[in-house]
Full PDB file with SEQRES, HELIX, SHEET, SSBOND, CRYST1, ORIGX, SCALE, CONECT and MASTER records, all heavy atoms in Angstrom:
SEQRES   1 A   35  GLY PRO GLN HIS PHE ASP LEU ILE LEU LEU ASP VAL MET          
SEQRES   2 A   35  LEU PRO LYS MET ASP GLY PHE GLU VAL LEU LYS LYS LEU          
SEQRES   3 A   35  ARG VAL SER HIS LEU THR PRO VAL LEU                          
HELIX    1 AA1 GLY A   19  SER A   29  1                                  11    
CRYST1    1.000    1.000    1.000  90.00  90.00  90.00 P 1           1          
ORIGX1      1.000000  0.000000  0.000000        0.00000                         
ORIGX2      0.000000  1.000000  0.000000        0.00000                         
ORIGX3      0.000000  0.000000  1.000000        0.00000                         
SCALE1      1.000000  0.000000  0.000000        0.00000                         
SCALE2      0.000000  1.000000  0.000000        0.00000                         
SCALE3      0.000000  0.000000  1.000000        0.00000                         
ATOM      1  N   GLY A   1       0.814  -1.212  -0.005  1.00  0.00           N  
ATOM      2  CA  GLY A   1      -0.038  -0.014   0.039  1.00  0.00           C  
ATOM      3  C   GLY A   1       0.885   1.262   0.012  1.00  0.00           C  
ATOM      4  O   GLY A   1       2.090   1.244  -0.164  1.00  0.00           O  
ATOM      5  N   PRO A   2       0.147   2.353   0.244  1.00  0.00           N  
ATOM      6  CA  PRO A   2       0.900   3.668   0.130  1.00  0.00           C  
ATOM      7  C   PRO A   2       1.911   3.936   1.248  1.00  0.00           C  
ATOM      8  O   PRO A   2       2.822   4.703   1.084  1.00  0.00           O  
ATOM      9  CB  PRO A   2      -0.273   4.708   0.187  1.00  0.00           C  
ATOM     10  CG  PRO A   2      -1.366   3.978   0.825  1.00  0.00           C  
ATOM     11  CD  PRO A   2      -1.198   2.524   0.538  1.00  0.00           C  
ATOM     12  N   GLN A   3       1.739   3.340   2.413  1.00  0.00           N  
ATOM     13  CA  GLN A   3       2.686   3.597   3.555  1.00  0.00           C  
ATOM     14  C   GLN A   3       3.999   2.937   3.294  1.00  0.00           C  
ATOM     15  O   GLN A   3       4.040   1.737   2.859  1.00  0.00           O  
ATOM     16  CB  GLN A   3       2.112   3.124   4.859  1.00  0.00           C  
ATOM     17  CG  GLN A   3       3.044   3.482   6.081  1.00  0.00           C  
ATOM     18  CD  GLN A   3       2.429   3.126   7.370  1.00  0.00           C  
ATOM     19  OE1 GLN A   3       1.232   2.791   7.491  1.00  0.00           O  
ATOM     20  NE2 GLN A   3       3.223   3.260   8.453  1.00  0.00           N  
ATOM     21  N   HIS A   4       5.147   3.621   3.541  1.00  0.00           N  
ATOM     22  CA  HIS A   4       6.421   3.080   3.396  1.00  0.00           C  
ATOM     23  C   HIS A   4       6.840   2.388   4.663  1.00  0.00           C  
ATOM     24  O   HIS A   4       6.703   2.941   5.774  1.00  0.00           O  
ATOM     25  CB  HIS A   4       7.487   4.220   3.076  1.00  0.00           C  
ATOM     26  CG  HIS A   4       8.896   3.771   3.273  1.00  0.00           C  
ATOM     27  ND1 HIS A   4       9.529   3.023   2.328  1.00  0.00           N  
ATOM     28  CD2 HIS A   4       9.747   3.910   4.239  1.00  0.00           C  
ATOM     29  CE1 HIS A   4      10.751   2.758   2.758  1.00  0.00           C  
ATOM     30  NE2 HIS A   4      10.880   3.349   3.849  1.00  0.00           N  
ATOM     31  N   PHE A   5       7.390   1.160   4.543  1.00  0.00           N  
ATOM     32  CA  PHE A   5       7.975   0.456   5.667  1.00  0.00           C  
ATOM     33  C   PHE A   5       9.479   0.296   5.425  1.00  0.00           C  
ATOM     34  O   PHE A   5       9.881  -0.058   4.328  1.00  0.00           O  
ATOM     35  CB  PHE A   5       7.305  -0.899   5.866  1.00  0.00           C  
ATOM     36  CG  PHE A   5       5.836  -0.755   6.266  1.00  0.00           C  
ATOM     37  CD1 PHE A   5       4.840  -0.920   5.319  1.00  0.00           C  
ATOM     38  CD2 PHE A   5       5.508  -0.458   7.558  1.00  0.00           C  
ATOM     39  CE1 PHE A   5       3.509  -0.765   5.704  1.00  0.00           C  
ATOM     40  CE2 PHE A   5       4.186  -0.282   7.944  1.00  0.00           C  
ATOM     41  CZ  PHE A   5       3.149  -0.477   6.983  1.00  0.00           C  
ATOM     42  N   ASP A   6      10.280   0.471   6.494  1.00  0.00           N  
ATOM     43  CA  ASP A   6      11.711   0.285   6.401  1.00  0.00           C  
ATOM     44  C   ASP A   6      12.013  -1.165   6.360  1.00  0.00           C  
ATOM     45  O   ASP A   6      13.067  -1.625   5.874  1.00  0.00           O  
ATOM     46  CB  ASP A   6      12.392   1.020   7.541  1.00  0.00           C  
ATOM     47  CG  ASP A   6      12.273   2.479   7.423  1.00  0.00           C  
ATOM     48  OD1 ASP A   6      12.671   3.103   6.387  1.00  0.00           O  
ATOM     49  OD2 ASP A   6      11.732   3.063   8.359  1.00  0.00           O  
ATOM     50  N   LEU A   7      11.211  -2.028   7.009  1.00  0.00           N  
ATOM     51  CA  LEU A   7      11.394  -3.438   7.160  1.00  0.00           C  
ATOM     52  C   LEU A   7      10.086  -4.193   7.478  1.00  0.00           C  
ATOM     53  O   LEU A   7       9.257  -3.645   8.226  1.00  0.00           O  
ATOM     54  CB  LEU A   7      12.501  -3.696   8.285  1.00  0.00           C  
ATOM     55  CG  LEU A   7      12.971  -5.179   8.344  1.00  0.00           C  
ATOM     56  CD1 LEU A   7      14.495  -5.178   8.527  1.00  0.00           C  
ATOM     57  CD2 LEU A   7      12.330  -5.905   9.443  1.00  0.00           C  
ATOM     58  N   ILE A   8      10.009  -5.382   7.014  1.00  0.00           N  
ATOM     59  CA  ILE A   8       8.838  -6.228   7.279  1.00  0.00           C  
ATOM     60  C   ILE A   8       9.241  -7.451   8.006  1.00  0.00           C  
ATOM     61  O   ILE A   8      10.205  -8.113   7.658  1.00  0.00           O  
ATOM     62  CB  ILE A   8       8.108  -6.683   5.994  1.00  0.00           C  
ATOM     63  CG1 ILE A   8       7.615  -5.427   5.178  1.00  0.00           C  
ATOM     64  CG2 ILE A   8       6.973  -7.599   6.220  1.00  0.00           C  
ATOM     65  CD1 ILE A   8       7.206  -5.640   3.810  1.00  0.00           C  
ATOM     66  N   LEU A   9       8.583  -7.718   9.255  1.00  0.00           N  
ATOM     67  CA  LEU A   9       8.782  -8.917  10.013  1.00  0.00           C  
ATOM     68  C   LEU A   9       7.655  -9.846   9.571  1.00  0.00           C  
ATOM     69  O   LEU A   9       6.471  -9.463   9.754  1.00  0.00           O  
ATOM     70  CB  LEU A   9       8.757  -8.605  11.522  1.00  0.00           C  
ATOM     71  CG  LEU A   9       9.845  -7.730  12.015  1.00  0.00           C  
ATOM     72  CD1 LEU A   9       9.517  -7.179  13.404  1.00  0.00           C  
ATOM     73  CD2 LEU A   9      11.132  -8.472  12.049  1.00  0.00           C  
ATOM     74  N   LEU A  10       7.988 -11.003   9.034  1.00  0.00           N  
ATOM     75  CA  LEU A  10       6.923 -11.886   8.434  1.00  0.00           C  
ATOM     76  C   LEU A  10       7.029 -13.294   8.978  1.00  0.00           C  
ATOM     77  O   LEU A  10       7.992 -13.978   8.860  1.00  0.00           O  
ATOM     78  CB  LEU A  10       7.221 -11.866   6.883  1.00  0.00           C  
ATOM     79  CG  LEU A  10       6.289 -12.735   6.055  1.00  0.00           C  
ATOM     80  CD1 LEU A  10       4.778 -12.317   6.169  1.00  0.00           C  
ATOM     81  CD2 LEU A  10       6.741 -12.674   4.589  1.00  0.00           C  
ATOM     82  N   ASP A  11       5.883 -13.694   9.551  1.00  0.00           N  
ATOM     83  CA  ASP A  11       5.739 -15.026   9.979  1.00  0.00           C  
ATOM     84  C   ASP A  11       5.416 -15.983   8.821  1.00  0.00           C  
ATOM     85  O   ASP A  11       4.889 -15.461   7.853  1.00  0.00           O  
ATOM     86  CB  ASP A  11       4.582 -15.111  11.069  1.00  0.00           C  
ATOM     87  CG  ASP A  11       4.454 -16.452  11.770  1.00  0.00           C  
ATOM     88  OD1 ASP A  11       5.408 -17.234  11.720  1.00  0.00           O  
ATOM     89  OD2 ASP A  11       3.368 -16.801  12.308  1.00  0.00           O  
ATOM     90  N   VAL A  12       5.837 -17.224   8.953  1.00  0.00           N  
ATOM     91  CA  VAL A  12       5.520 -18.152   7.858  1.00  0.00           C  
ATOM     92  C   VAL A  12       4.109 -18.770   7.956  1.00  0.00           C  
ATOM     93  O   VAL A  12       3.346 -18.721   6.975  1.00  0.00           O  
ATOM     94  CB  VAL A  12       6.537 -19.359   7.803  1.00  0.00           C  
ATOM     95  CG1 VAL A  12       6.105 -20.359   6.839  1.00  0.00           C  
ATOM     96  CG2 VAL A  12       7.906 -18.813   7.422  1.00  0.00           C  
ATOM     97  N   MET A  13       3.665 -19.191   9.134  1.00  0.00           N  
ATOM     98  CA  MET A  13       2.442 -19.841   9.210  1.00  0.00           C  
ATOM     99  C   MET A  13       1.347 -18.835   9.605  1.00  0.00           C  
ATOM    100  O   MET A  13       1.283 -18.344  10.744  1.00  0.00           O  
ATOM    101  CB  MET A  13       2.490 -20.975  10.318  1.00  0.00           C  
ATOM    102  CG  MET A  13       3.363 -22.073   9.845  1.00  0.00           C  
ATOM    103  SD  MET A  13       3.416 -23.489  10.988  1.00  0.00           S  
ATOM    104  CE  MET A  13       4.403 -22.846  12.327  1.00  0.00           C  
ATOM    105  N   LEU A  14       0.638 -18.346   8.542  1.00  0.00           N  
ATOM    106  CA  LEU A  14      -0.416 -17.285   8.715  1.00  0.00           C  
ATOM    107  C   LEU A  14      -1.757 -17.757   8.168  1.00  0.00           C  
ATOM    108  O   LEU A  14      -1.768 -18.590   7.260  1.00  0.00           O  
ATOM    109  CB  LEU A  14       0.053 -16.092   7.983  1.00  0.00           C  
ATOM    110  CG  LEU A  14       1.264 -15.276   8.381  1.00  0.00           C  
ATOM    111  CD1 LEU A  14       1.685 -14.323   7.340  1.00  0.00           C  
ATOM    112  CD2 LEU A  14       0.887 -14.510   9.683  1.00  0.00           C  
ATOM    113  N   PRO A  15      -2.831 -17.248   8.727  1.00  0.00           N  
ATOM    114  CA  PRO A  15      -4.137 -17.478   8.102  1.00  0.00           C  
ATOM    115  C   PRO A  15      -4.307 -16.738   6.797  1.00  0.00           C  
ATOM    116  O   PRO A  15      -3.623 -15.780   6.559  1.00  0.00           O  
ATOM    117  CB  PRO A  15      -5.187 -17.017   9.167  1.00  0.00           C  
ATOM    118  CG  PRO A  15      -4.399 -16.189  10.154  1.00  0.00           C  
ATOM    119  CD  PRO A  15      -2.943 -16.526  10.000  1.00  0.00           C  
ATOM    120  N   LYS A  16      -5.165 -17.276   5.921  1.00  0.00           N  
ATOM    121  CA  LYS A  16      -5.522 -16.653   4.607  1.00  0.00           C  
ATOM    122  C   LYS A  16      -4.450 -16.751   3.565  1.00  0.00           C  
ATOM    123  O   LYS A  16      -4.771 -17.054   2.427  1.00  0.00           O  
ATOM    124  CB  LYS A  16      -6.017 -15.175   4.753  1.00  0.00           C  
ATOM    125  CG  LYS A  16      -7.245 -15.033   5.591  1.00  0.00           C  
ATOM    126  CD  LYS A  16      -7.773 -13.669   5.498  1.00  0.00           C  
ATOM    127  CE  LYS A  16      -8.985 -13.533   6.430  1.00  0.00           C  
ATOM    128  NZ  LYS A  16      -9.424 -12.136   6.506  1.00  0.00           N  
ATOM    129  N   MET A  17      -3.151 -16.545   3.838  1.00  0.00           N  
ATOM    130  CA  MET A  17      -2.112 -16.670   2.900  1.00  0.00           C  
ATOM    131  C   MET A  17      -0.807 -16.794   3.743  1.00  0.00           C  
ATOM    132  O   MET A  17      -0.501 -15.984   4.595  1.00  0.00           O  
ATOM    133  CB  MET A  17      -1.928 -15.315   2.082  1.00  0.00           C  
ATOM    134  CG  MET A  17      -0.897 -15.326   1.027  1.00  0.00           C  
ATOM    135  SD  MET A  17      -0.697 -13.751   0.202  1.00  0.00           S  
ATOM    136  CE  MET A  17      -2.361 -13.451  -0.466  1.00  0.00           C  
ATOM    137  N   ASP A  18       0.020 -17.900   3.494  1.00  0.00           N  
ATOM    138  CA  ASP A  18       1.157 -18.058   4.288  1.00  0.00           C  
ATOM    139  C   ASP A  18       2.293 -17.110   3.956  1.00  0.00           C  
ATOM    140  O   ASP A  18       2.232 -16.415   2.888  1.00  0.00           O  
ATOM    141  CB  ASP A  18       1.621 -19.567   4.257  1.00  0.00           C  
ATOM    142  CG  ASP A  18       2.343 -19.971   2.847  1.00  0.00           C  
ATOM    143  OD1 ASP A  18       2.968 -19.165   2.252  1.00  0.00           O  
ATOM    144  OD2 ASP A  18       2.227 -21.180   2.523  1.00  0.00           O  
ATOM    145  N   GLY A  19       3.275 -17.071   4.832  1.00  0.00           N  
ATOM    146  CA  GLY A  19       4.335 -16.119   4.712  1.00  0.00           C  
ATOM    147  C   GLY A  19       5.128 -16.218   3.421  1.00  0.00           C  
ATOM    148  O   GLY A  19       5.570 -15.231   2.867  1.00  0.00           O  
ATOM    149  N   PHE A  20       5.342 -17.481   2.939  1.00  0.00           N  
ATOM    150  CA  PHE A  20       6.093 -17.663   1.711  1.00  0.00           C  
ATOM    151  C   PHE A  20       5.366 -17.090   0.535  1.00  0.00           C  
ATOM    152  O   PHE A  20       5.938 -16.475  -0.344  1.00  0.00           O  
ATOM    153  CB  PHE A  20       6.314 -19.198   1.457  1.00  0.00           C  
ATOM    154  CG  PHE A  20       7.271 -19.865   2.441  1.00  0.00           C  
ATOM    155  CD1 PHE A  20       6.947 -21.029   3.044  1.00  0.00           C  
ATOM    156  CD2 PHE A  20       8.486 -19.258   2.723  1.00  0.00           C  
ATOM    157  CE1 PHE A  20       7.884 -21.686   3.942  1.00  0.00           C  
ATOM    158  CE2 PHE A  20       9.389 -19.885   3.648  1.00  0.00           C  
ATOM    159  CZ  PHE A  20       9.067 -21.064   4.186  1.00  0.00           C  
ATOM    160  N   GLU A  21       3.975 -17.197   0.499  1.00  0.00           N  
ATOM    161  CA  GLU A  21       3.228 -16.688  -0.586  1.00  0.00           C  
ATOM    162  C   GLU A  21       3.206 -15.115  -0.510  1.00  0.00           C  
ATOM    163  O   GLU A  21       3.314 -14.488  -1.481  1.00  0.00           O  
ATOM    164  CB  GLU A  21       1.772 -17.224  -0.543  1.00  0.00           C  
ATOM    165  CG  GLU A  21       0.897 -16.876  -1.678  1.00  0.00           C  
ATOM    166  CD  GLU A  21       1.310 -17.480  -3.006  1.00  0.00           C  
ATOM    167  OE1 GLU A  21       2.104 -18.550  -2.977  1.00  0.00           O  
ATOM    168  OE2 GLU A  21       0.947 -16.932  -4.071  1.00  0.00           O  
ATOM    169  N   VAL A  22       3.141 -14.626   0.739  1.00  0.00           N  
ATOM    170  CA  VAL A  22       3.224 -13.149   0.887  1.00  0.00           C  
ATOM    171  C   VAL A  22       4.567 -12.585   0.360  1.00  0.00           C  
ATOM    172  O   VAL A  22       4.589 -11.686  -0.388  1.00  0.00           O  
ATOM    173  CB  VAL A  22       3.031 -12.727   2.388  1.00  0.00           C  
ATOM    174  CG1 VAL A  22       3.363 -11.278   2.612  1.00  0.00           C  
ATOM    175  CG2 VAL A  22       1.623 -13.091   2.921  1.00  0.00           C  
ATOM    176  N   LEU A  23       5.609 -13.317   0.742  1.00  0.00           N  
ATOM    177  CA  LEU A  23       6.995 -12.921   0.255  1.00  0.00           C  
ATOM    178  C   LEU A  23       7.031 -12.952  -1.194  1.00  0.00           C  
ATOM    179  O   LEU A  23       7.603 -12.093  -1.885  1.00  0.00           O  
ATOM    180  CB  LEU A  23       7.952 -13.804   0.955  1.00  0.00           C  
ATOM    181  CG  LEU A  23       9.458 -13.501   0.550  1.00  0.00           C  
ATOM    182  CD1 LEU A  23       9.877 -11.985   0.964  1.00  0.00           C  
ATOM    183  CD2 LEU A  23      10.332 -14.505   1.204  1.00  0.00           C  
ATOM    184  N   LYS A  24       6.541 -14.025  -1.858  1.00  0.00           N  
ATOM    185  CA  LYS A  24       6.619 -14.198  -3.290  1.00  0.00           C  
ATOM    186  C   LYS A  24       5.904 -13.120  -3.941  1.00  0.00           C  
ATOM    187  O   LYS A  24       6.401 -12.469  -4.976  1.00  0.00           O  
ATOM    188  CB  LYS A  24       5.998 -15.557  -3.633  1.00  0.00           C  
ATOM    189  CG  LYS A  24       6.011 -15.911  -5.131  1.00  0.00           C  
ATOM    190  CD  LYS A  24       5.391 -17.337  -5.264  1.00  0.00           C  
ATOM    191  CE  LYS A  24       5.181 -17.623  -6.787  1.00  0.00           C  
ATOM    192  NZ  LYS A  24       4.551 -18.887  -6.991  1.00  0.00           N  
ATOM    193  N   LYS A  25       4.658 -12.766  -3.568  1.00  0.00           N  
ATOM    194  CA  LYS A  25       3.927 -11.717  -4.151  1.00  0.00           C  
ATOM    195  C   LYS A  25       4.524 -10.319  -3.917  1.00  0.00           C  
ATOM    196  O   LYS A  25       4.492  -9.439  -4.784  1.00  0.00           O  
ATOM    197  CB  LYS A  25       2.439 -11.724  -3.685  1.00  0.00           C  
ATOM    198  CG  LYS A  25       1.710 -12.887  -4.146  1.00  0.00           C  
ATOM    199  CD  LYS A  25       0.263 -12.988  -3.672  1.00  0.00           C  
ATOM    200  CE  LYS A  25      -0.467 -14.224  -4.078  1.00  0.00           C  
ATOM    201  NZ  LYS A  25      -1.132 -14.100  -5.325  1.00  0.00           N  
ATOM    202  N   LEU A  26       5.114 -10.122  -2.732  1.00  0.00           N  
ATOM    203  CA  LEU A  26       5.681  -8.852  -2.388  1.00  0.00           C  
ATOM    204  C   LEU A  26       6.943  -8.585  -3.268  1.00  0.00           C  
ATOM    205  O   LEU A  26       7.137  -7.517  -3.745  1.00  0.00           O  
ATOM    206  CB  LEU A  26       6.149  -8.901  -0.910  1.00  0.00           C  
ATOM    207  CG  LEU A  26       6.918  -7.662  -0.373  1.00  0.00           C  
ATOM    208  CD1 LEU A  26       5.929  -6.480  -0.289  1.00  0.00           C  
ATOM    209  CD2 LEU A  26       7.449  -7.953   0.987  1.00  0.00           C  
ATOM    210  N   ARG A  27       7.698  -9.654  -3.466  1.00  0.00           N  
ATOM    211  CA  ARG A  27       8.967  -9.413  -4.298  1.00  0.00           C  
ATOM    212  C   ARG A  27       8.671  -9.100  -5.752  1.00  0.00           C  
ATOM    213  O   ARG A  27       9.577  -8.708  -6.459  1.00  0.00           O  
ATOM    214  CB  ARG A  27       9.829 -10.719  -4.164  1.00  0.00           C  
ATOM    215  CG  ARG A  27      10.576 -10.718  -2.829  1.00  0.00           C  
ATOM    216  CD  ARG A  27      11.525  -9.607  -2.709  1.00  0.00           C  
ATOM    217  NE  ARG A  27      12.205  -9.701  -1.422  1.00  0.00           N  
ATOM    218  CZ  ARG A  27      12.144  -8.739  -0.551  1.00  0.00           C  
ATOM    219  NH1 ARG A  27      11.329  -7.678  -0.687  1.00  0.00           N  
ATOM    220  NH2 ARG A  27      12.816  -8.740   0.657  1.00  0.00           N  
ATOM    221  N   VAL A  28       7.502  -9.337  -6.253  1.00  0.00           N  
ATOM    222  CA  VAL A  28       7.140  -8.923  -7.625  1.00  0.00           C  
ATOM    223  C   VAL A  28       7.370  -7.437  -7.825  1.00  0.00           C  
ATOM    224  O   VAL A  28       7.851  -7.009  -8.853  1.00  0.00           O  
ATOM    225  CB  VAL A  28       5.709  -9.429  -7.984  1.00  0.00           C  
ATOM    226  CG1 VAL A  28       5.330  -8.740  -9.316  1.00  0.00           C  
ATOM    227  CG2 VAL A  28       5.648 -10.875  -7.968  1.00  0.00           C  
ATOM    228  N   SER A  29       7.019  -6.674  -6.766  1.00  0.00           N  
ATOM    229  CA  SER A  29       7.081  -5.167  -6.949  1.00  0.00           C  
ATOM    230  C   SER A  29       7.802  -4.435  -5.850  1.00  0.00           C  
ATOM    231  O   SER A  29       8.062  -3.238  -6.002  1.00  0.00           O  
ATOM    232  CB  SER A  29       5.647  -4.704  -6.972  1.00  0.00           C  
ATOM    233  OG  SER A  29       4.942  -4.989  -5.787  1.00  0.00           O  
ATOM    234  N   HIS A  30       8.235  -5.079  -4.806  1.00  0.00           N  
ATOM    235  CA  HIS A  30       8.859  -4.343  -3.722  1.00  0.00           C  
ATOM    236  C   HIS A  30      10.161  -5.029  -3.181  1.00  0.00           C  
ATOM    237  O   HIS A  30      10.220  -6.228  -3.133  1.00  0.00           O  
ATOM    238  CB  HIS A  30       7.893  -4.278  -2.505  1.00  0.00           C  
ATOM    239  CG  HIS A  30       6.669  -3.363  -2.759  1.00  0.00           C  
ATOM    240  ND1 HIS A  30       5.674  -3.696  -3.540  1.00  0.00           N  
ATOM    241  CD2 HIS A  30       6.408  -2.170  -2.199  1.00  0.00           C  
ATOM    242  CE1 HIS A  30       4.798  -2.703  -3.547  1.00  0.00           C  
ATOM    243  NE2 HIS A  30       5.172  -1.726  -2.757  1.00  0.00           N  
ATOM    244  N   LEU A  31      11.096  -4.177  -2.827  1.00  0.00           N  
ATOM    245  CA  LEU A  31      12.361  -4.647  -2.358  1.00  0.00           C  
ATOM    246  C   LEU A  31      12.598  -4.370  -0.858  1.00  0.00           C  
ATOM    247  O   LEU A  31      13.661  -4.422  -0.376  1.00  0.00           O  
ATOM    248  CB  LEU A  31      13.537  -4.045  -3.117  1.00  0.00           C  
ATOM    249  CG  LEU A  31      13.595  -4.417  -4.637  1.00  0.00           C  
ATOM    250  CD1 LEU A  31      14.737  -3.620  -5.351  1.00  0.00           C  
ATOM    251  CD2 LEU A  31      13.756  -5.835  -4.833  1.00  0.00           C  
ATOM    252  N   THR A  32      11.449  -4.063  -0.188  1.00  0.00           N  
ATOM    253  CA  THR A  32      11.501  -3.854   1.302  1.00  0.00           C  
ATOM    254  C   THR A  32      12.219  -5.031   1.966  1.00  0.00           C  
ATOM    255  O   THR A  32      11.847  -6.171   1.676  1.00  0.00           O  
ATOM    256  CB  THR A  32      10.121  -3.617   1.823  1.00  0.00           C  
ATOM    257  OG1 THR A  32       9.450  -2.644   1.092  1.00  0.00           O  
ATOM    258  CG2 THR A  32      10.149  -3.228   3.280  1.00  0.00           C  
ATOM    259  N   PRO A  33      13.156  -4.713   2.840  1.00  0.00           N  
ATOM    260  CA  PRO A  33      13.806  -5.840   3.575  1.00  0.00           C  
ATOM    261  C   PRO A  33      12.788  -6.645   4.342  1.00  0.00           C  
ATOM    262  O   PRO A  33      11.874  -6.074   4.958  1.00  0.00           O  
ATOM    263  CB  PRO A  33      14.830  -5.131   4.472  1.00  0.00           C  
ATOM    264  CG  PRO A  33      15.087  -3.844   3.897  1.00  0.00           C  
ATOM    265  CD  PRO A  33      13.748  -3.433   3.185  1.00  0.00           C  
ATOM    266  N   VAL A  34      12.961  -7.946   4.342  1.00  0.00           N  
ATOM    267  CA  VAL A  34      12.071  -8.880   5.070  1.00  0.00           C  
ATOM    268  C   VAL A  34      12.829  -9.798   5.922  1.00  0.00           C  
ATOM    269  O   VAL A  34      13.831 -10.420   5.547  1.00  0.00           O  
ATOM    270  CB  VAL A  34      11.184  -9.766   4.050  1.00  0.00           C  
ATOM    271  CG1 VAL A  34      10.371 -10.745   4.768  1.00  0.00           C  
ATOM    272  CG2 VAL A  34      10.300  -8.889   3.152  1.00  0.00           C  
ATOM    273  N   LEU A  35      12.456  -9.834   7.199  1.00  0.00           N  
ATOM    274  CA  LEU A  35      13.033 -10.776   8.190  1.00  0.00           C  
ATOM    275  C   LEU A  35      11.905 -11.768   8.534  1.00  0.00           C  
ATOM    276  O   LEU A  35      10.886 -11.381   9.015  1.00  0.00           O  
ATOM    277  CB  LEU A  35      13.479  -9.995   9.449  1.00  0.00           C  
ATOM    278  CG  LEU A  35      14.406 -10.821  10.398  1.00  0.00           C  
ATOM    279  CD1 LEU A  35      15.156  -9.870  11.304  1.00  0.00           C  
ATOM    280  CD2 LEU A  35      13.627 -11.806  11.277  1.00  0.00           C  
TER     281      LEU A  35                                                      
MASTER        0    0    0    1    0    0    0    6  280    1    0    3          
END                                                                             
C-alpha cells in the first residue's frame, strides 16, 4: 500500500495466505527488507 515500511517482519504460518506466498507476491514489486 501507500505507507512506506523500512522493514517487514513476516511469520511463515499465517491464516488466509502463508508467509512464503506473501513474500513471493511482495517481491514482484517491492524490495523492502524482510526478516
